[in-house]
Amino acid sequence: MTQEGIDYRRSEFRRRDGSTRIRFLWDQTLVPQTAGEGEEDGGRRPPEGFQMGVEFSSEQIDSALAAGDPQQQSQIVPSTDSSGHGTAVAGSPQEAARHIREWLSRQTF
């Protein structure tokens, strides 16, 4: 799903244990950077085969979520959704599925 970003911190994008449900987040508004000396992550790069934006893995997103402090989270994964539209569109199917699962769990068949 391509949109203008999502707020990866929101509950509809997280598992019950608090980890992310997002496998990869490709923010096409960010500028790629190469790693500096001593950096282990290899810098911020676009997905393989592309030259624009920065891709973040679920591991990087989980690391940001574990940081707790919004400023620290933004240093690890600086992707944002400035308008809220991308979050709403990407979250709608997830939120709908969650409501259906909750409803089904209360039913007797």
N, C-alpha and C. Protein backbone atom coordinates (compact mmCIF):
# COMPACT_ATOMS: atom_id res chain seq x y z
N MET A 1 0.85 -1.16 0.00
CA MET A 1 0.00 0.00 0.00
C MET A 1 0.90 1.23 0.00
N THR A 2 0.68 2.12 -0.91
CA THR A 2 1.49 3.32 -1.01
C THR A 2 0.65 4.52 -0.58
N GLN A 3 1.16 5.27 0.32
CA GLN A 3 0.49 6.48 0.80
C GLN A 3 1.54 7.51 1.12
N GLU A 4 1.18 8.49 1.88
CA GLU A 4 2.11 9.57 2.21
C GLU A 4 2.71 9.40 3.59
N GLY A 5 2.87 8.19 4.02
CA GLY A 5 3.46 7.90 5.32
C GLY A 5 2.41 7.36 6.28
N ILE A 6 2.87 6.74 7.34
CA ILE A 6 1.97 6.27 8.39
C ILE A 6 2.63 6.52 9.74
N ASP A 7 1.78 6.64 10.76
CA ASP A 7 2.28 6.77 12.12
C ASP A 7 2.46 5.37 12.67
N TYR A 8 3.68 4.86 12.59
CA TYR A 8 3.97 3.48 12.97
C TYR A 8 3.77 3.23 14.46
N ARG A 9 3.58 4.27 15.24
CA ARG A 9 3.39 4.13 16.69
C ARG A 9 1.97 3.71 17.08
N ARG A 10 1.03 3.87 16.19
CA ARG A 10 -0.38 3.62 16.51
C ARG A 10 -0.67 2.14 16.76
N SER A 11 -1.68 1.90 17.57
CA SER A 11 -1.99 0.54 18.02
C SER A 11 -2.39 -0.40 16.89
N GLU A 12 -3.04 0.11 15.84
CA GLU A 12 -3.46 -0.79 14.76
C GLU A 12 -2.29 -1.35 13.97
N PHE A 13 -1.11 -0.78 14.16
CA PHE A 13 0.09 -1.28 13.48
C PHE A 13 1.00 -2.06 14.43
N ARG A 14 0.44 -2.43 15.60
CA ARG A 14 1.24 -3.13 16.60
C ARG A 14 0.57 -4.43 17.03
N ARG A 15 1.41 -5.39 17.36
CA ARG A 15 0.91 -6.66 17.88
C ARG A 15 0.58 -6.51 19.37
N ARG A 16 -0.02 -7.51 19.92
CA ARG A 16 -0.38 -7.47 21.34
C ARG A 16 0.83 -7.26 22.25
N ASP A 17 1.98 -7.79 21.84
CA ASP A 17 3.19 -7.63 22.66
C ASP A 17 3.85 -6.27 22.47
N GLY A 18 3.28 -5.41 21.64
CA GLY A 18 3.80 -4.07 21.42
C GLY A 18 4.72 -3.94 20.23
N SER A 19 5.14 -5.06 19.65
CA SER A 19 6.02 -5.01 18.48
C SER A 19 5.21 -4.59 17.25
N THR A 20 5.93 -4.18 16.22
CA THR A 20 5.27 -3.69 15.02
C THR A 20 4.70 -4.81 14.16
N ARG A 21 3.64 -4.49 13.44
CA ARG A 21 3.09 -5.40 12.44
C ARG A 21 3.60 -5.04 11.05
N ILE A 22 4.35 -3.95 10.96
CA ILE A 22 4.86 -3.45 9.68
C ILE A 22 6.15 -4.19 9.35
N ARG A 23 6.21 -4.80 8.18
CA ARG A 23 7.43 -5.51 7.79
C ARG A 23 8.50 -4.55 7.30
N PHE A 24 8.10 -3.60 6.46
CA PHE A 24 9.01 -2.58 5.95
C PHE A 24 8.25 -1.28 5.80
N LEU A 25 8.92 -0.19 6.07
CA LEU A 25 8.35 1.14 5.89
C LEU A 25 9.29 1.89 4.96
N TRP A 26 8.80 2.27 3.80
CA TRP A 26 9.61 2.99 2.83
C TRP A 26 9.12 4.43 2.78
N ASP A 27 9.88 5.33 3.37
CA ASP A 27 9.53 6.74 3.39
C ASP A 27 10.24 7.41 2.22
N GLN A 28 9.46 7.78 1.22
CA GLN A 28 10.03 8.36 0.00
C GLN A 28 10.32 9.85 0.14
N THR A 29 10.00 10.42 1.30
CA THR A 29 10.30 11.84 1.53
C THR A 29 11.67 12.03 2.16
N LEU A 30 12.26 10.98 2.70
CA LEU A 30 13.57 11.08 3.36
C LEU A 30 14.70 10.91 2.35
N VAL A 31 15.82 11.55 2.64
CA VAL A 31 17.00 11.50 1.77
C VAL A 31 17.93 10.40 2.29
N PRO A 32 18.34 9.48 1.42
CA PRO A 32 19.27 8.42 1.84
C PRO A 32 20.59 9.00 2.34
N GLN A 33 21.20 8.30 3.29
CA GLN A 33 22.50 8.70 3.84
C GLN A 33 23.37 7.46 3.93
N THR A 34 24.65 7.63 3.68
CA THR A 34 25.57 6.52 3.86
C THR A 34 26.04 6.52 5.31
N ALA A 35 26.53 5.40 5.75
CA ALA A 35 26.99 5.26 7.13
C ALA A 35 28.27 6.06 7.35
N GLY A 36 28.36 6.62 8.54
CA GLY A 36 29.59 7.28 8.94
C GLY A 36 30.50 6.27 9.61
N GLU A 37 31.67 6.67 9.93
CA GLU A 37 32.62 5.78 10.57
C GLU A 37 32.06 5.27 11.90
N GLY A 38 32.11 3.98 12.11
CA GLY A 38 31.64 3.38 13.35
C GLY A 38 30.16 3.08 13.39
N GLU A 39 29.41 3.46 12.36
CA GLU A 39 27.98 3.15 12.34
C GLU A 39 27.77 1.72 11.90
N GLU A 40 26.96 1.03 12.65
CA GLU A 40 26.74 -0.39 12.38
C GLU A 40 25.60 -0.65 11.41
N ASP A 41 24.63 0.27 11.32
CA ASP A 41 23.44 -0.01 10.53
C ASP A 41 23.64 0.21 9.03
N GLY A 42 24.81 0.69 8.62
CA GLY A 42 25.05 0.88 7.19
C GLY A 42 24.41 2.12 6.63
N GLY A 43 23.91 3.00 7.46
CA GLY A 43 23.28 4.22 6.99
C GLY A 43 21.81 4.00 6.66
N ARG A 44 21.21 5.05 6.15
CA ARG A 44 19.79 4.99 5.76
C ARG A 44 19.73 4.92 4.25
N ARG A 45 19.15 3.84 3.77
CA ARG A 45 19.16 3.58 2.33
C ARG A 45 17.76 3.30 1.81
N PRO A 46 17.58 3.51 0.51
CA PRO A 46 16.32 3.11 -0.12
C PRO A 46 16.27 1.59 -0.26
N PRO A 47 15.12 1.05 -0.59
CA PRO A 47 15.06 -0.39 -0.85
C PRO A 47 15.97 -0.76 -2.02
N GLU A 48 16.42 -1.99 -2.03
CA GLU A 48 17.30 -2.46 -3.10
C GLU A 48 16.64 -2.23 -4.46
N GLY A 49 17.41 -1.69 -5.37
CA GLY A 49 16.92 -1.43 -6.72
C GLY A 49 16.32 -0.04 -6.89
N PHE A 50 16.27 0.76 -5.83
CA PHE A 50 15.71 2.10 -5.90
C PHE A 50 16.75 3.11 -5.43
N GLN A 51 16.55 4.36 -5.80
CA GLN A 51 17.52 5.39 -5.45
C GLN A 51 16.92 6.50 -4.59
N MET A 52 15.65 6.40 -4.27
CA MET A 52 15.02 7.47 -3.48
C MET A 52 14.42 6.93 -2.21
N GLY A 53 14.31 7.80 -1.23
CA GLY A 53 13.68 7.44 0.03
C GLY A 53 14.56 6.58 0.91
N VAL A 54 14.00 6.22 2.06
CA VAL A 54 14.70 5.39 3.04
C VAL A 54 13.76 4.28 3.49
N GLU A 55 14.29 3.07 3.54
CA GLU A 55 13.51 1.92 3.98
C GLU A 55 13.91 1.54 5.41
N PHE A 56 12.90 1.31 6.25
CA PHE A 56 13.13 0.87 7.62
C PHE A 56 12.54 -0.53 7.78
N SER A 57 13.26 -1.40 8.45
CA SER A 57 12.81 -2.78 8.68
C SER A 57 11.97 -2.84 9.94
N SER A 58 11.30 -3.96 10.13
CA SER A 58 10.51 -4.16 11.35
C SER A 58 11.41 -4.11 12.57
N GLU A 59 12.64 -4.57 12.44
CA GLU A 59 13.58 -4.52 13.56
C GLU A 59 13.90 -3.08 13.95
N GLN A 60 14.08 -2.22 12.96
CA GLN A 60 14.36 -0.81 13.25
C GLN A 60 13.14 -0.14 13.88
N ILE A 61 11.96 -0.47 13.37
CA ILE A 61 10.73 0.10 13.93
C ILE A 61 10.54 -0.37 15.37
N ASP A 62 10.78 -1.67 15.62
CA ASP A 62 10.68 -2.18 16.99
C ASP A 62 11.67 -1.48 17.92
N SER A 63 12.86 -1.21 17.42
CA SER A 63 13.86 -0.50 18.21
C SER A 63 13.36 0.90 18.57
N ALA A 64 12.76 1.57 17.61
CA ALA A 64 12.20 2.91 17.87
C ALA A 64 11.06 2.83 18.88
N LEU A 65 10.18 1.85 18.73
CA LEU A 65 9.07 1.70 19.67
C LEU A 65 9.56 1.43 21.08
N ALA A 66 10.62 0.66 21.20
CA ALA A 66 11.18 0.33 22.52
C ALA A 66 11.81 1.55 23.18
N ALA A 67 12.22 2.54 22.39
CA ALA A 67 12.84 3.74 22.94
C ALA A 67 11.87 4.52 23.82
N GLY A 68 10.59 4.43 23.51
CA GLY A 68 9.59 5.08 24.35
C GLY A 68 9.46 6.57 24.13
N ASP A 69 10.51 7.32 24.29
CA ASP A 69 10.48 8.77 24.13
C ASP A 69 10.31 9.14 22.66
N PRO A 70 9.29 9.95 22.32
CA PRO A 70 9.06 10.31 20.91
C PRO A 70 10.27 10.90 20.20
N GLN A 71 11.07 11.67 20.89
CA GLN A 71 12.26 12.26 20.26
C GLN A 71 13.28 11.17 19.91
N GLN A 72 13.48 10.22 20.81
CA GLN A 72 14.39 9.11 20.53
C GLN A 72 13.83 8.24 19.41
N GLN A 73 12.51 8.01 19.41
CA GLN A 73 11.89 7.23 18.35
C GLN A 73 12.15 7.87 16.99
N SER A 74 12.01 9.19 16.94
CA SER A 74 12.21 9.91 15.67
C SER A 74 13.65 9.90 15.21
N GLN A 75 14.59 9.74 16.12
CA GLN A 75 15.99 9.64 15.72
C GLN A 75 16.26 8.28 15.08
N ILE A 76 15.55 7.24 15.54
CA ILE A 76 15.76 5.89 15.01
C ILE A 76 14.99 5.70 13.71
N VAL A 77 13.70 6.07 13.72
CA VAL A 77 12.84 5.99 12.52
C VAL A 77 12.15 7.34 12.38
N PRO A 78 12.75 8.26 11.60
CA PRO A 78 12.23 9.61 11.50
C PRO A 78 11.06 9.78 10.53
N SER A 79 10.41 8.72 10.18
CA SER A 79 9.29 8.79 9.25
C SER A 79 8.04 9.31 9.97
N THR A 80 7.33 10.24 9.33
CA THR A 80 6.11 10.80 9.90
C THR A 80 5.01 10.87 8.85
N ASP A 81 3.81 11.04 9.32
CA ASP A 81 2.65 11.25 8.44
C ASP A 81 2.11 12.63 8.76
N SER A 82 2.52 13.62 8.00
CA SER A 82 2.20 15.01 8.33
C SER A 82 0.71 15.33 8.22
N SER A 83 -0.02 14.65 7.35
CA SER A 83 -1.45 14.96 7.18
C SER A 83 -2.37 13.99 7.91
N GLY A 84 -1.89 12.80 8.23
CA GLY A 84 -2.74 11.79 8.86
C GLY A 84 -3.49 10.93 7.86
N HIS A 85 -3.46 11.31 6.60
CA HIS A 85 -4.21 10.56 5.58
C HIS A 85 -3.67 9.15 5.37
N GLY A 86 -2.36 9.03 5.25
CA GLY A 86 -1.77 7.70 5.03
C GLY A 86 -2.06 6.75 6.18
N THR A 87 -1.98 7.27 7.40
CA THR A 87 -2.27 6.45 8.58
C THR A 87 -3.71 5.98 8.55
N ALA A 88 -4.63 6.88 8.22
CA ALA A 88 -6.05 6.52 8.19
C ALA A 88 -6.33 5.46 7.14
N VAL A 89 -5.77 5.63 5.95
CA VAL A 89 -6.02 4.68 4.86
C VAL A 89 -5.39 3.33 5.15
N ALA A 90 -4.13 3.33 5.61
CA ALA A 90 -3.44 2.07 5.90
C ALA A 90 -4.03 1.39 7.12
N GLY A 91 -4.49 2.18 8.07
CA GLY A 91 -5.04 1.61 9.31
C GLY A 91 -6.44 1.08 9.17
N SER A 92 -7.21 1.56 8.21
CA SER A 92 -8.60 1.15 8.08
C SER A 92 -8.78 -0.35 7.95
N PRO A 93 -8.08 -1.04 7.03
CA PRO A 93 -8.26 -2.50 6.95
C PRO A 93 -7.83 -3.20 8.23
N GLN A 94 -6.76 -2.72 8.86
CA GLN A 94 -6.28 -3.34 10.09
C GLN A 94 -7.29 -3.15 11.21
N GLU A 95 -7.82 -1.95 11.33
CA GLU A 95 -8.79 -1.66 12.38
C GLU A 95 -10.07 -2.45 12.16
N ALA A 96 -10.52 -2.53 10.90
CA ALA A 96 -11.72 -3.30 10.60
C ALA A 96 -11.52 -4.77 10.95
N ALA A 97 -10.37 -5.33 10.61
CA ALA A 97 -10.09 -6.73 10.93
C ALA A 97 -10.07 -6.96 12.43
N ARG A 98 -9.53 -6.01 13.18
CA ARG A 98 -9.49 -6.14 14.64
C ARG A 98 -10.91 -6.16 15.21
N HIS A 99 -11.77 -5.28 14.72
CA HIS A 99 -13.15 -5.25 15.21
C HIS A 99 -13.89 -6.55 14.88
N ILE A 100 -13.64 -7.07 13.69
CA ILE A 100 -14.28 -8.33 13.31
C ILE A 100 -13.80 -9.46 14.20
N ARG A 101 -12.49 -9.54 14.46
CA ARG A 101 -11.96 -10.58 15.36
C ARG A 101 -12.56 -10.47 16.76
N GLU A 102 -12.65 -9.25 17.26
CA GLU A 102 -13.23 -9.05 18.59
C GLU A 102 -14.69 -9.49 18.62
N TRP A 103 -15.45 -9.12 17.58
CA TRP A 103 -16.86 -9.50 17.51
C TRP A 103 -16.99 -11.02 17.44
N LEU A 104 -16.17 -11.66 16.59
CA LEU A 104 -16.24 -13.12 16.46
C LEU A 104 -15.89 -13.81 17.75
N SER A 105 -14.97 -13.26 18.52
CA SER A 105 -14.56 -13.90 19.78
C SER A 105 -15.69 -13.90 20.81
N ARG A 106 -16.66 -13.03 20.64
CA ARG A 106 -17.79 -12.96 21.57
C ARG A 106 -18.98 -13.79 21.12
N GLN A 107 -18.90 -14.38 19.95
CA GLN A 107 -20.03 -15.14 19.40
C GLN A 107 -19.95 -16.60 19.80
N THR A 108 -21.10 -17.24 19.87
CA THR A 108 -21.15 -18.69 20.07
C THR A 108 -21.76 -19.30 18.83
N PHE A 109 -21.13 -20.33 18.34
CA PHE A 109 -21.61 -20.98 17.11
C PHE A 109 -21.97 -22.40 17.41
